Structures are given as C-alpha cells and as structure tokens.
C-alpha cells in the first residue's frame, strides 16, 4: 500500500512536470515566433534606413549641385552683361567711325 502511494505520488509528480514542460515549450514556441517577427521587423527597418541614408546623401549632393549651378548662372550673367557692354562699346565706336568717314564732327 505504501509502495503504491509512493508510486502514485511519483507518477503525479511526473505528470505535473510534464505539464510544466509542455507549458514551457509552448512559451518557447511563442517566444521563437516573436523573435522571428522582431528579426523581420529589424531587417525591414535596416532596409528602410539604407534607403533613407541614400536619399539623404542624394539630397546633400543635390544641395551642392544647386550651389554650383547658382554660381554658374551668376558667372553666365556677368559674362552676358560684359558682352552687352562690349557690344554697346563696339557699336558706339562704329558709329563714331561712320561719322568721321562721312565728314561729320569727331568726338
């Protein structure tokens, strides 16, 4: 009788441990699924960060190119103004030469 009770208590202990182990395995499976989800999220965020970093680099390069373009536009405007001034001076000299050749008053 005592041996039967001892065996029965041992069996109950094993069953209790078996249930605990099953619950632990279920929690572990949920934790693994959660870890996979987190890993996928981290990979997605890493990919998005790469895209954002590239966009930021491109934006920086565009800003630099804009400054270069503005400087070029300024230089071209100065050249245009200089060309207009030169054209006006040549036209003025040409008009003076025409007047001198026609016998008009020289300036």
N, C-alpha and C. Protein backbone atom coordinates (compact mmCIF):
# COMPACT_ATOMS: atom_id res chain seq x y z
N UNK A 1 0.84 -1.19 0.00
CA UNK A 1 0.00 0.00 0.00
C UNK A 1 0.88 1.26 0.00
N UNK A 2 1.88 1.28 0.85
CA UNK A 2 2.79 2.44 0.89
C UNK A 2 3.54 2.59 -0.43
N UNK A 3 3.94 1.45 -0.96
CA UNK A 3 4.66 1.48 -2.23
C UNK A 3 3.75 2.00 -3.34
N UNK A 4 2.50 1.62 -3.31
CA UNK A 4 1.53 2.08 -4.30
C UNK A 4 1.35 3.60 -4.20
N UNK A 5 1.23 4.10 -2.94
CA UNK A 5 1.07 5.55 -2.73
C UNK A 5 2.31 6.29 -3.22
N UNK A 6 3.46 5.74 -2.93
CA UNK A 6 4.71 6.38 -3.35
C UNK A 6 4.79 6.42 -4.87
N UNK A 7 4.42 5.31 -5.49
CA UNK A 7 4.42 5.25 -6.95
C UNK A 7 3.41 6.22 -7.53
N UNK A 8 2.23 6.28 -6.91
CA UNK A 8 1.19 7.20 -7.37
C UNK A 8 1.63 8.65 -7.22
N UNK A 9 2.28 9.00 -6.12
CA UNK A 9 2.77 10.36 -5.91
C UNK A 9 3.88 10.69 -6.91
N UNK A 10 4.73 9.70 -7.15
CA UNK A 10 5.80 9.91 -8.13
C UNK A 10 5.20 10.13 -9.52
N UNK A 11 4.18 9.35 -9.87
CA UNK A 11 3.50 9.49 -11.15
C UNK A 11 2.85 10.87 -11.27
N UNK A 12 2.20 11.32 -10.18
CA UNK A 12 1.59 12.66 -10.19
C UNK A 12 2.67 13.73 -10.36
N UNK A 13 3.80 13.52 -9.72
CA UNK A 13 4.92 14.47 -9.87
C UNK A 13 5.41 14.52 -11.30
N UNK A 14 5.53 13.34 -11.94
CA UNK A 14 5.95 13.29 -13.34
C UNK A 14 4.93 13.98 -14.24
N UNK A 15 3.65 13.73 -13.99
CA UNK A 15 2.60 14.37 -14.79
C UNK A 15 2.63 15.88 -14.63
N UNK A 16 2.85 16.32 -13.39
CA UNK A 16 2.94 17.77 -13.13
C UNK A 16 4.13 18.37 -13.89
N UNK A 17 5.27 17.68 -13.81
CA UNK A 17 6.46 18.16 -14.52
C UNK A 17 6.24 18.13 -16.03
N UNK A 18 5.53 17.10 -16.50
CA UNK A 18 5.23 17.01 -17.93
C UNK A 18 4.39 18.20 -18.38
N UNK A 19 3.36 18.56 -17.60
CA UNK A 19 2.53 19.73 -17.93
C UNK A 19 3.36 21.01 -17.89
N UNK A 20 4.22 21.12 -16.89
CA UNK A 20 5.09 22.30 -16.81
C UNK A 20 6.00 22.39 -18.04
N UNK A 21 6.54 21.24 -18.43
CA UNK A 21 7.41 21.19 -19.60
C UNK A 21 6.64 21.56 -20.87
N UNK A 22 5.41 21.07 -21.00
CA UNK A 22 4.59 21.40 -22.17
C UNK A 22 4.29 22.90 -22.21
N UNK A 23 3.96 23.48 -21.04
CA UNK A 23 3.71 24.93 -20.99
C UNK A 23 4.99 25.71 -21.33
N UNK A 24 6.11 25.23 -20.84
CA UNK A 24 7.39 25.89 -21.14
C UNK A 24 7.69 25.81 -22.64
N UNK A 25 7.41 24.65 -23.24
CA UNK A 25 7.63 24.50 -24.68
C UNK A 25 6.70 25.42 -25.48
N UNK A 26 5.47 25.58 -25.01
CA UNK A 26 4.53 26.49 -25.69
C UNK A 26 5.03 27.93 -25.59
N UNK A 27 5.49 28.31 -24.40
CA UNK A 27 6.02 29.67 -24.23
C UNK A 27 7.26 29.87 -25.10
N UNK A 28 8.09 28.84 -25.17
CA UNK A 28 9.29 28.92 -26.00
C UNK A 28 8.91 29.07 -27.48
N UNK A 29 7.91 28.33 -27.92
CA UNK A 29 7.46 28.44 -29.32
C UNK A 29 6.93 29.84 -29.60
N UNK A 30 6.16 30.40 -28.66
CA UNK A 30 5.66 31.78 -28.84
C UNK A 30 6.82 32.77 -28.86
N UNK A 31 7.80 32.54 -27.98
CA UNK A 31 8.96 33.44 -27.94
C UNK A 31 9.75 33.36 -29.24
N UNK A 32 9.90 32.15 -29.78
CA UNK A 32 10.61 32.00 -31.06
C UNK A 32 9.86 32.69 -32.19
N UNK A 33 8.54 32.56 -32.20
CA UNK A 33 7.74 33.24 -33.23
C UNK A 33 7.87 34.75 -33.09
N UNK A 34 7.85 35.23 -31.86
CA UNK A 34 8.02 36.66 -31.62
C UNK A 34 9.41 37.12 -32.07
N UNK A 35 10.43 36.31 -31.78
CA UNK A 35 11.79 36.65 -32.19
C UNK A 35 11.90 36.72 -33.71
N UNK A 36 11.24 35.79 -34.41
CA UNK A 36 11.24 35.83 -35.88
C UNK A 36 10.57 37.10 -36.39
N UNK A 37 9.46 37.47 -35.77
CA UNK A 37 8.78 38.70 -36.15
C UNK A 37 9.65 39.92 -35.91
N UNK A 38 10.32 39.94 -34.78
CA UNK A 38 11.20 41.07 -34.46
C UNK A 38 12.36 41.12 -35.45
N UNK A 39 12.93 39.96 -35.76
CA UNK A 39 14.04 39.90 -36.72
C UNK A 39 13.60 40.44 -38.08
N UNK A 40 12.41 40.04 -38.52
CA UNK A 40 11.89 40.53 -39.81
C UNK A 40 11.69 42.04 -39.76
N UNK A 41 11.18 42.54 -38.64
CA UNK A 41 10.98 43.99 -38.49
C UNK A 41 12.31 44.72 -38.52
N UNK A 42 13.31 44.18 -37.84
CA UNK A 42 14.63 44.81 -37.83
C UNK A 42 15.23 44.82 -39.24
N UNK A 43 15.06 43.72 -39.97
CA UNK A 43 15.56 43.68 -41.35
C UNK A 43 14.86 44.72 -42.22
N UNK A 44 13.56 44.86 -42.04
CA UNK A 44 12.80 45.86 -42.79
C UNK A 44 13.28 47.27 -42.45
N UNK A 45 13.46 47.52 -41.15
CA UNK A 45 13.93 48.84 -40.72
C UNK A 45 15.33 49.13 -41.25
N UNK A 46 16.17 48.11 -41.26
CA UNK A 46 17.53 48.28 -41.79
C UNK A 46 17.49 48.64 -43.27
N UNK A 47 16.62 47.95 -44.01
CA UNK A 47 16.48 48.26 -45.44
C UNK A 47 15.96 49.68 -45.63
N UNK A 48 14.98 50.08 -44.82
CA UNK A 48 14.43 51.43 -44.92
C UNK A 48 15.48 52.46 -44.54
N UNK A 49 16.31 52.16 -43.54
CA UNK A 49 17.36 53.08 -43.14
C UNK A 49 18.35 53.27 -44.29
N UNK A 50 18.65 52.19 -44.98
CA UNK A 50 19.56 52.28 -46.13
C UNK A 50 18.98 53.21 -47.19
N UNK A 51 17.68 53.08 -47.45
CA UNK A 51 17.02 53.94 -48.44
C UNK A 51 17.07 55.40 -47.98
N UNK A 52 16.78 55.63 -46.70
CA UNK A 52 16.79 56.99 -46.16
C UNK A 52 18.20 57.57 -46.21
N UNK A 53 19.20 56.76 -45.84
CA UNK A 53 20.59 57.24 -45.90
C UNK A 53 20.96 57.63 -47.33
N UNK A 54 20.56 56.81 -48.29
CA UNK A 54 20.85 57.11 -49.70
C UNK A 54 20.15 58.41 -50.12
N UNK A 55 18.90 58.56 -49.68
CA UNK A 55 18.15 59.78 -50.01
C UNK A 55 18.82 61.01 -49.40
N UNK A 56 19.31 60.86 -48.17
CA UNK A 56 19.98 61.99 -47.51
C UNK A 56 21.27 62.34 -48.25
N UNK A 57 22.02 61.32 -48.67
CA UNK A 57 23.24 61.59 -49.44
C UNK A 57 22.90 62.28 -50.75
N UNK A 58 21.85 61.81 -51.41
CA UNK A 58 21.43 62.42 -52.67
C UNK A 58 21.00 63.86 -52.45
N UNK A 59 20.27 64.10 -51.36
CA UNK A 59 19.82 65.46 -51.06
C UNK A 59 21.02 66.37 -50.82
N UNK A 60 22.01 65.85 -50.10
CA UNK A 60 23.23 66.64 -49.87
C UNK A 60 23.94 66.94 -51.17
N UNK A 61 24.03 65.94 -52.03
CA UNK A 61 24.69 66.14 -53.33
C UNK A 61 23.90 67.13 -54.17
N UNK A 62 22.57 67.04 -54.11
CA UNK A 62 21.74 67.98 -54.88
C UNK A 62 21.92 69.41 -54.37
N UNK A 63 22.02 69.56 -53.05
CA UNK A 63 22.26 70.89 -52.49
C UNK A 63 23.57 71.47 -53.00
N UNK A 64 24.60 70.64 -53.03
CA UNK A 64 25.90 71.09 -53.53
C UNK A 64 25.81 71.44 -55.01
N UNK A 65 25.12 70.60 -55.78
CA UNK A 65 24.96 70.86 -57.21
C UNK A 65 24.15 72.13 -57.45
N UNK A 66 23.16 72.39 -56.59
CA UNK A 66 22.38 73.63 -56.72
C UNK A 66 23.28 74.85 -56.52
N UNK A 67 24.16 74.78 -55.52
CA UNK A 67 25.07 75.91 -55.28
C UNK A 67 26.00 76.10 -56.47
N UNK A 68 26.48 74.98 -57.03
CA UNK A 68 27.34 75.09 -58.21
C UNK A 68 26.57 75.70 -59.38
N UNK A 69 25.33 75.27 -59.57
CA UNK A 69 24.51 75.80 -60.66
C UNK A 69 24.24 77.29 -60.47
N UNK A 70 23.96 77.69 -59.23
CA UNK A 70 23.72 79.12 -58.95
C UNK A 70 24.97 79.93 -59.25
N UNK A 71 26.14 79.39 -58.88
CA UNK A 71 27.39 80.10 -59.16
C UNK A 71 27.62 80.20 -60.66
N UNK A 72 27.32 79.13 -61.39
CA UNK A 72 27.47 79.15 -62.85
C UNK A 72 26.51 80.16 -63.48
N UNK A 73 25.27 80.20 -62.99
CA UNK A 73 24.30 81.17 -63.51
C UNK A 73 24.80 82.59 -63.27
N UNK A 74 25.35 82.83 -62.08
CA UNK A 74 25.90 84.15 -61.78
C UNK A 74 27.04 84.51 -62.73
N UNK A 75 27.92 83.54 -62.98
CA UNK A 75 29.05 83.79 -63.90
C UNK A 75 28.54 84.05 -65.31
N UNK A 76 27.55 83.29 -65.75
CA UNK A 76 26.99 83.50 -67.09
C UNK A 76 26.31 84.86 -67.20
N UNK A 77 25.64 85.29 -66.15
CA UNK A 77 25.01 86.63 -66.17
C UNK A 77 26.07 87.72 -66.28
N UNK A 78 27.17 87.55 -65.52
CA UNK A 78 28.24 88.55 -65.60
C UNK A 78 28.84 88.57 -67.01
N UNK A 79 29.02 87.39 -67.60
CA UNK A 79 29.55 87.33 -68.97
C UNK A 79 28.58 87.98 -69.95
N UNK A 80 27.27 87.75 -69.75
CA UNK A 80 26.27 88.36 -70.63
C UNK A 80 26.34 89.88 -70.51
N UNK A 81 26.40 90.38 -69.27
CA UNK A 81 26.48 91.83 -69.06
C UNK A 81 27.73 92.40 -69.72
N UNK A 82 28.84 91.67 -69.56
CA UNK A 82 30.09 92.12 -70.16
C UNK A 82 29.97 92.12 -71.69
N UNK A 83 29.35 91.09 -72.25
CA UNK A 83 29.16 91.02 -73.71
C UNK A 83 28.27 92.16 -74.19
N UNK A 84 27.22 92.48 -73.43
CA UNK A 84 26.34 93.59 -73.81
C UNK A 84 27.09 94.91 -73.77
N UNK A 85 27.89 95.09 -72.71
CA UNK A 85 28.68 96.32 -72.61
C UNK A 85 29.67 96.41 -73.76
N UNK A 86 30.30 95.29 -74.09
CA UNK A 86 31.27 95.27 -75.18
C UNK A 86 30.59 95.56 -76.52
N UNK A 87 29.42 94.98 -76.73
CA UNK A 87 28.66 95.21 -77.96
C UNK A 87 28.28 96.69 -78.08
N UNK A 88 27.84 97.28 -76.96
CA UNK A 88 27.48 98.70 -76.97
C UNK A 88 28.70 99.56 -77.27
N UNK A 89 29.84 99.19 -76.71
CA UNK A 89 31.07 99.97 -76.95
C UNK A 89 31.49 99.85 -78.41
N UNK A 90 31.40 98.65 -78.97
CA UNK A 90 31.75 98.45 -80.38
C UNK A 90 30.79 99.23 -81.27
N UNK A 91 29.51 99.21 -80.94
CA UNK A 91 28.53 99.95 -81.74
C UNK A 91 28.81 101.44 -81.66
N UNK A 92 29.18 101.92 -80.49
CA UNK A 92 29.48 103.34 -80.33
C UNK A 92 30.70 103.73 -81.16
N UNK A 93 31.74 102.90 -81.10
CA UNK A 93 32.94 103.17 -81.90
C UNK A 93 32.63 103.11 -83.39
N UNK A 94 31.81 102.17 -83.78
CA UNK A 94 31.43 102.03 -85.18
C UNK A 94 30.66 103.26 -85.64
N UNK A 95 29.79 103.77 -84.78
CA UNK A 95 29.02 104.98 -85.13
C UNK A 95 29.95 106.17 -85.25
N UNK A 96 30.94 106.27 -84.39
CA UNK A 96 31.90 107.37 -84.46
C UNK A 96 32.71 107.28 -85.74
N UNK A 97 33.12 106.04 -86.09
CA UNK A 97 33.89 105.86 -87.33
C UNK A 97 33.05 106.26 -88.54
N UNK A 98 31.77 105.90 -88.52
CA UNK A 98 30.89 106.25 -89.64
C UNK A 98 30.77 107.76 -89.76
N UNK A 99 30.66 108.44 -88.62
CA UNK A 99 30.54 109.90 -88.65
C UNK A 99 31.81 110.53 -89.19
N UNK A 100 32.95 109.99 -88.77
CA UNK A 100 34.23 110.53 -89.24
C UNK A 100 34.40 110.30 -90.74
N UNK A 101 34.00 109.14 -91.19
CA UNK A 101 34.13 108.83 -92.62
C UNK A 101 33.19 109.67 -93.48
N UNK A 102 32.09 110.11 -92.92
CA UNK A 102 31.13 110.92 -93.66
C UNK A 102 31.44 112.40 -93.53
N UNK A 103 32.46 112.71 -92.80
CA UNK A 103 32.86 114.10 -92.65
C UNK A 103 32.14 114.80 -91.53
N UNK A 104 31.54 114.08 -90.67
CA UNK A 104 30.83 114.68 -89.56
C UNK A 104 31.77 115.05 -88.45
N UNK A 105 31.25 115.68 -87.42
CA UNK A 105 32.12 116.08 -86.31
C UNK A 105 32.65 114.86 -85.56
N UNK A 106 33.90 114.91 -85.22
CA UNK A 106 34.53 113.83 -84.45
C UNK A 106 34.36 114.09 -82.99
N UNK A 107 34.20 113.07 -82.26
CA UNK A 107 34.03 113.22 -80.81
C UNK A 107 35.28 112.90 -80.08
